[in-house]
């Protein structure tokens, strides 16, 4: 394994750490009715096919989105080689899932669309190999458990 890949894997620990900031804790009253910031409510029920809840799926989608953005930046800043991009993205996703299980998300505390938009606006010049892209304020406390 190349030194760059070892550095990239090490940076995933930091990456998982900042993603942890996106996940807040909330007291949930009632087993099936979760308050969603902004006035909406949702049951968090599964899709009926044994799939993830709507909240869990939004978390999974955000993890995929964040890992793709960080992988793109890691390649463009030459922190990893293009040939290592798939392994980096996979390791990123695993690190996030290990740190914050999306299955534990019971509510959304903001706008996922705003978070993604703000996150996408981050330039790769702000990418730090030890911690990834900075997490915008709109992403803080987004996923509640």
C-alpha atoms as a PDB file:
ATOM      1  CA  UNK A   1       0.000   0.000   0.000  1.00  0.00           C
ATOM      2  CA  UNK A   2       1.341   3.395  -0.932  1.00  0.00           C
ATOM      3  CA  UNK A   3       2.226   6.040   1.604  1.00  0.00           C
ATOM      4  CA  UNK A   4      -0.404   8.330   0.077  1.00  0.00           C
ATOM      5  CA  UNK A   5      -3.092   5.681   0.617  1.00  0.00           C
ATOM      6  CA  UNK A   6      -2.006   5.240   4.243  1.00  0.00           C
ATOM      7  CA  UNK A   7      -2.212   8.997   4.763  1.00  0.00           C
ATOM      8  CA  UNK A   8      -5.614   9.032   3.063  1.00  0.00           C
ATOM      9  CA  UNK A   9      -6.870   6.205   5.275  1.00  0.00           C
ATOM     10  CA  UNK A  10      -5.592   8.052   8.324  1.00  0.00           C
ATOM     11  CA  UNK A  11      -7.466  11.141   7.246  1.00  0.00           C
ATOM     12  CA  UNK A  12     -10.698   9.145   7.234  1.00  0.00           C
ATOM     13  CA  UNK A  13     -10.609   9.097  11.016  1.00  0.00           C
ATOM     14  CA  UNK A  14     -10.737  12.898  10.927  1.00  0.00           C
ATOM     15  CA  UNK A  15     -13.367  12.764   8.199  1.00  0.00           C
ATOM     16  CA  UNK A  16     -15.581  10.543  10.319  1.00  0.00           C
ATOM     17  CA  UNK A  17     -15.029  12.929  13.219  1.00  0.00           C
ATOM     18  CA  UNK A  18     -16.380  15.961  11.372  1.00  0.00           C
ATOM     19  CA  UNK A  19     -19.275  13.951  10.037  1.00  0.00           C
ATOM     20  CA  UNK A  20     -20.086  13.176  13.661  1.00  0.00           C
ATOM     21  CA  UNK A  21     -20.725  16.897  14.059  1.00  0.00           C
ATOM     22  CA  UNK A  22     -23.560  16.591  11.566  1.00  0.00           C
ATOM     23  CA  UNK A  23     -25.345  14.171  13.828  1.00  0.00           C
ATOM     24  CA  UNK A  24     -27.016  15.555  16.935  1.00  0.00           C
ATOM     25  CA  UNK A  25     -28.946  13.852  19.660  1.00  0.00           C
ATOM     26  CA  UNK A  26     -32.590  14.537  20.310  1.00  0.00           C
ATOM     27  CA  UNK A  27     -35.001  13.169  22.834  1.00  0.00           C
ATOM     28  CA  UNK A  28     -37.766  11.437  20.968  1.00  0.00           C
ATOM     29  CA  UNK A  29     -41.189  11.234  22.554  1.00  0.00           C
ATOM     30  CA  UNK A  30     -43.424   8.524  21.193  1.00  0.00           C
ATOM     31  CA  UNK A  31     -42.315   5.461  19.299  1.00  0.00           C
ATOM     32  CA  UNK A  32     -43.591   6.371  15.858  1.00  0.00           C
ATOM     33  CA  UNK A  33     -43.904  10.141  15.661  1.00  0.00           C
ATOM     34  CA  UNK A  34     -40.720  12.161  15.330  1.00  0.00           C
ATOM     35  CA  UNK A  35     -40.611  15.931  15.155  1.00  0.00           C
ATOM     36  CA  UNK A  36     -38.678  17.254  12.180  1.00  0.00           C
ATOM     37  CA  UNK A  37     -37.203  20.741  12.473  1.00  0.00           C
ATOM     38  CA  UNK A  38     -39.204  23.204  10.452  1.00  0.00           C
ATOM     39  CA  UNK A  39     -42.582  22.046  11.697  1.00  0.00           C
ATOM     40  CA  UNK A  40     -43.042  18.805   9.797  1.00  0.00           C
ATOM     41  CA  UNK A  41     -43.478  15.387  11.287  1.00  0.00           C
ATOM     42  CA  UNK A  42     -42.553  12.007  10.009  1.00  0.00           C
ATOM     43  CA  UNK A  43     -42.992   8.470  11.144  1.00  0.00           C
ATOM     44  CA  UNK A  44     -39.573   7.282  10.090  1.00  0.00           C
ATOM     45  CA  UNK A  45     -41.333   4.156   8.880  1.00  0.00           C
ATOM     46  CA  UNK A  46     -39.632   1.791   6.509  1.00  0.00           C
ATOM     47  CA  UNK A  47     -40.541   1.741   2.884  1.00  0.00           C
ATOM     48  CA  UNK A  48     -42.678  -1.367   3.394  1.00  0.00           C
ATOM     49  CA  UNK A  49     -40.145  -3.510   1.597  1.00  0.00           C
ATOM     50  CA  UNK A  50     -37.863  -3.916   4.585  1.00  0.00           C
ATOM     51  CA  UNK A  51     -35.717  -1.039   3.314  1.00  0.00           C
ATOM     52  CA  UNK A  52     -34.347   1.879   5.299  1.00  0.00           C
ATOM     53  CA  UNK A  53     -36.561   4.562   6.810  1.00  0.00           C
ATOM     54  CA  UNK A  54     -36.785   7.890   5.013  1.00  0.00           C
ATOM     55  CA  UNK A  55     -34.496   9.437   7.641  1.00  0.00           C
ATOM     56  CA  UNK A  56     -31.966   6.616   7.355  1.00  0.00           C
ATOM     57  CA  UNK A  57     -31.980   6.918   3.560  1.00  0.00           C
ATOM     58  CA  UNK A  58     -31.313  10.669   3.745  1.00  0.00           C
ATOM     59  CA  UNK A  59     -28.371   9.925   6.038  1.00  0.00           C
ATOM     60  CA  UNK A  60     -27.031   7.258   3.668  1.00  0.00           C
ATOM     61  CA  UNK A  61     -27.445   9.623   0.713  1.00  0.00           C
ATOM     62  CA  UNK A  62     -25.599  12.401   2.552  1.00  0.00           C
ATOM     63  CA  UNK A  63     -22.745  10.037   3.487  1.00  0.00           C
ATOM     64  CA  UNK A  64     -22.443   9.008  -0.180  1.00  0.00           C
ATOM     65  CA  UNK A  65     -22.531  12.670  -1.227  1.00  0.00           C
ATOM     66  CA  UNK A  66     -19.902  13.738   1.341  1.00  0.00           C
ATOM     67  CA  UNK A  67     -17.584  10.855   0.497  1.00  0.00           C
ATOM     68  CA  UNK A  68     -17.855  11.565  -3.232  1.00  0.00           C
ATOM     69  CA  UNK A  69     -17.001  15.237  -2.659  1.00  0.00           C
ATOM     70  CA  UNK A  70     -14.053  14.390  -0.409  1.00  0.00           C
ATOM     71  CA  UNK A  71     -12.790  11.749  -2.822  1.00  0.00           C
ATOM     72  CA  UNK A  72     -12.919  14.259  -5.685  1.00  0.00           C
ATOM     73  CA  UNK A  73     -10.942  16.755  -3.622  1.00  0.00           C
ATOM     74  CA  UNK A  74      -8.420  14.159  -2.420  1.00  0.00           C
ATOM     75  CA  UNK A  75      -7.704  13.296  -6.059  1.00  0.00           C
ATOM     76  CA  UNK A  76      -7.625  16.908  -7.281  1.00  0.00           C
ATOM     77  CA  UNK A  77      -5.212  17.942  -4.504  1.00  0.00           C
ATOM     78  CA  UNK A  78      -3.037  14.888  -5.239  1.00  0.00           C
ATOM     79  CA  UNK A  79      -3.535  13.460  -1.755  1.00  0.00           C
ATOM     80  CA  UNK A  80      -4.511  10.196  -3.429  1.00  0.00           C
ATOM     81  CA  UNK A  81      -3.976   8.818  -6.902  1.00  0.00           C
ATOM     82  CA  UNK A  82      -6.998   8.502  -9.214  1.00  0.00           C
ATOM     83  CA  UNK A  83      -6.504   4.735  -9.120  1.00  0.00           C
ATOM     84  CA  UNK A  84      -7.120   4.844  -5.337  1.00  0.00           C
ATOM     85  CA  UNK A  85     -10.359   6.862  -5.564  1.00  0.00           C
ATOM     86  CA  UNK A  86     -12.761   3.913  -5.334  1.00  0.00           C
ATOM     87  CA  UNK A  87     -10.938   2.484  -2.313  1.00  0.00           C
ATOM     88  CA  UNK A  88     -10.859   5.933  -0.671  1.00  0.00           C
ATOM     89  CA  UNK A  89     -14.597   6.458  -1.217  1.00  0.00           C
ATOM     90  CA  UNK A  90     -15.371   2.985   0.133  1.00  0.00           C
ATOM     91  CA  UNK A  91     -13.180   3.519   3.193  1.00  0.00           C
ATOM     92  CA  UNK A  92     -14.821   6.914   3.733  1.00  0.00           C
ATOM     93  CA  UNK A  93     -18.289   5.371   3.693  1.00  0.00           C
ATOM     94  CA  UNK A  94     -17.203   2.594   6.079  1.00  0.00           C
ATOM     95  CA  UNK A  95     -15.655   5.128   8.470  1.00  0.00           C
ATOM     96  CA  UNK A  96     -18.857   7.170   8.529  1.00  0.00           C
ATOM     97  CA  UNK A  97     -21.050   4.104   9.041  1.00  0.00           C
ATOM     98  CA  UNK A  98     -18.791   2.951  11.880  1.00  0.00           C
ATOM     99  CA  UNK A  99     -18.945   6.373  13.539  1.00  0.00           C
ATOM    100  CA  UNK A 100     -22.620   7.186  13.001  1.00  0.00           C
ATOM    101  CA  UNK A 101     -24.974   4.343  12.123  1.00  0.00           C
ATOM    102  CA  UNK A 102     -27.569   5.842   9.789  1.00  0.00           C
ATOM    103  CA  UNK A 103     -30.093   3.305  11.101  1.00  0.00           C
ATOM    104  CA  UNK A 104     -30.131   5.281  14.375  1.00  0.00           C
ATOM    105  CA  UNK A 105     -31.339   8.504  12.705  1.00  0.00           C
ATOM    106  CA  UNK A 106     -34.841   9.302  13.934  1.00  0.00           C
ATOM    107  CA  UNK A 107     -35.310  12.867  12.673  1.00  0.00           C
ATOM    108  CA  UNK A 108     -33.841  15.540  10.438  1.00  0.00           C
ATOM    109  CA  UNK A 109     -32.887  18.773  12.212  1.00  0.00           C
ATOM    110  CA  UNK A 110     -32.681  21.119   9.237  1.00  0.00           C
ATOM    111  CA  UNK A 111     -32.603  21.078   5.468  1.00  0.00           C
ATOM    112  CA  UNK A 112     -30.587  18.312   3.812  1.00  0.00           C
ATOM    113  CA  UNK A 113     -30.866  20.185   0.502  1.00  0.00           C
ATOM    114  CA  UNK A 114     -29.395  23.382   2.015  1.00  0.00           C
ATOM    115  CA  UNK A 115     -26.624  21.393   3.675  1.00  0.00           C
ATOM    116  CA  UNK A 116     -25.741  19.663   0.402  1.00  0.00           C
ATOM    117  CA  UNK A 117     -25.818  22.960  -1.495  1.00  0.00           C
ATOM    118  CA  UNK A 118     -23.573  24.665   1.051  1.00  0.00           C
ATOM    119  CA  UNK A 119     -21.284  21.647   1.181  1.00  0.00           C
ATOM    120  CA  UNK A 120     -21.037  21.508  -2.604  1.00  0.00           C
ATOM    121  CA  UNK A 121     -20.069  25.185  -2.618  1.00  0.00           C
ATOM    122  CA  UNK A 122     -16.905  24.350  -0.648  1.00  0.00           C
ATOM    123  CA  UNK A 123     -13.837  24.540  -2.834  1.00  0.00           C
ATOM    124  CA  UNK A 124     -11.266  21.771  -2.891  1.00  0.00           C
ATOM    125  CA  UNK A 125      -8.780  24.467  -1.840  1.00  0.00           C
ATOM    126  CA  UNK A 126     -10.384  24.163   1.621  1.00  0.00           C
ATOM    127  CA  UNK A 127      -9.839  20.375   1.669  1.00  0.00           C
ATOM    128  CA  UNK A 128      -7.604  19.222   4.519  1.00  0.00           C
ATOM    129  CA  UNK A 129      -6.182  15.710   4.113  1.00  0.00           C
ATOM    130  CA  UNK A 130      -6.493  15.124   7.859  1.00  0.00           C
ATOM    131  CA  UNK A 131     -10.113  16.232   8.211  1.00  0.00           C
ATOM    132  CA  UNK A 132     -11.690  16.522   4.759  1.00  0.00           C
ATOM    133  CA  UNK A 133     -13.806  19.422   3.569  1.00  0.00           C
ATOM    134  CA  UNK A 134     -15.070  21.787   6.267  1.00  0.00           C
ATOM    135  CA  UNK A 135     -18.620  21.098   7.340  1.00  0.00           C
ATOM    136  CA  UNK A 136     -20.919  24.113   6.736  1.00  0.00           C
ATOM    137  CA  UNK A 137     -23.014  25.442   9.600  1.00  0.00           C
ATOM    138  CA  UNK A 138     -26.175  24.305   7.802  1.00  0.00           C
ATOM    139  CA  UNK A 139     -25.024  20.689   8.260  1.00  0.00           C
ATOM    140  CA  UNK A 140     -24.487  20.872  12.017  1.00  0.00           C
ATOM    141  CA  UNK A 141     -27.032  18.839  13.979  1.00  0.00           C
ATOM    142  CA  UNK A 142     -28.716  17.715  10.773  1.00  0.00           C
ATOM    143  CA  UNK A 143     -29.303  14.057  11.609  1.00  0.00           C
ATOM    144  CA  UNK A 144     -30.887  13.401  14.991  1.00  0.00           C
ATOM    145  CA  UNK A 145     -31.056  10.153  16.872  1.00  0.00           C
END
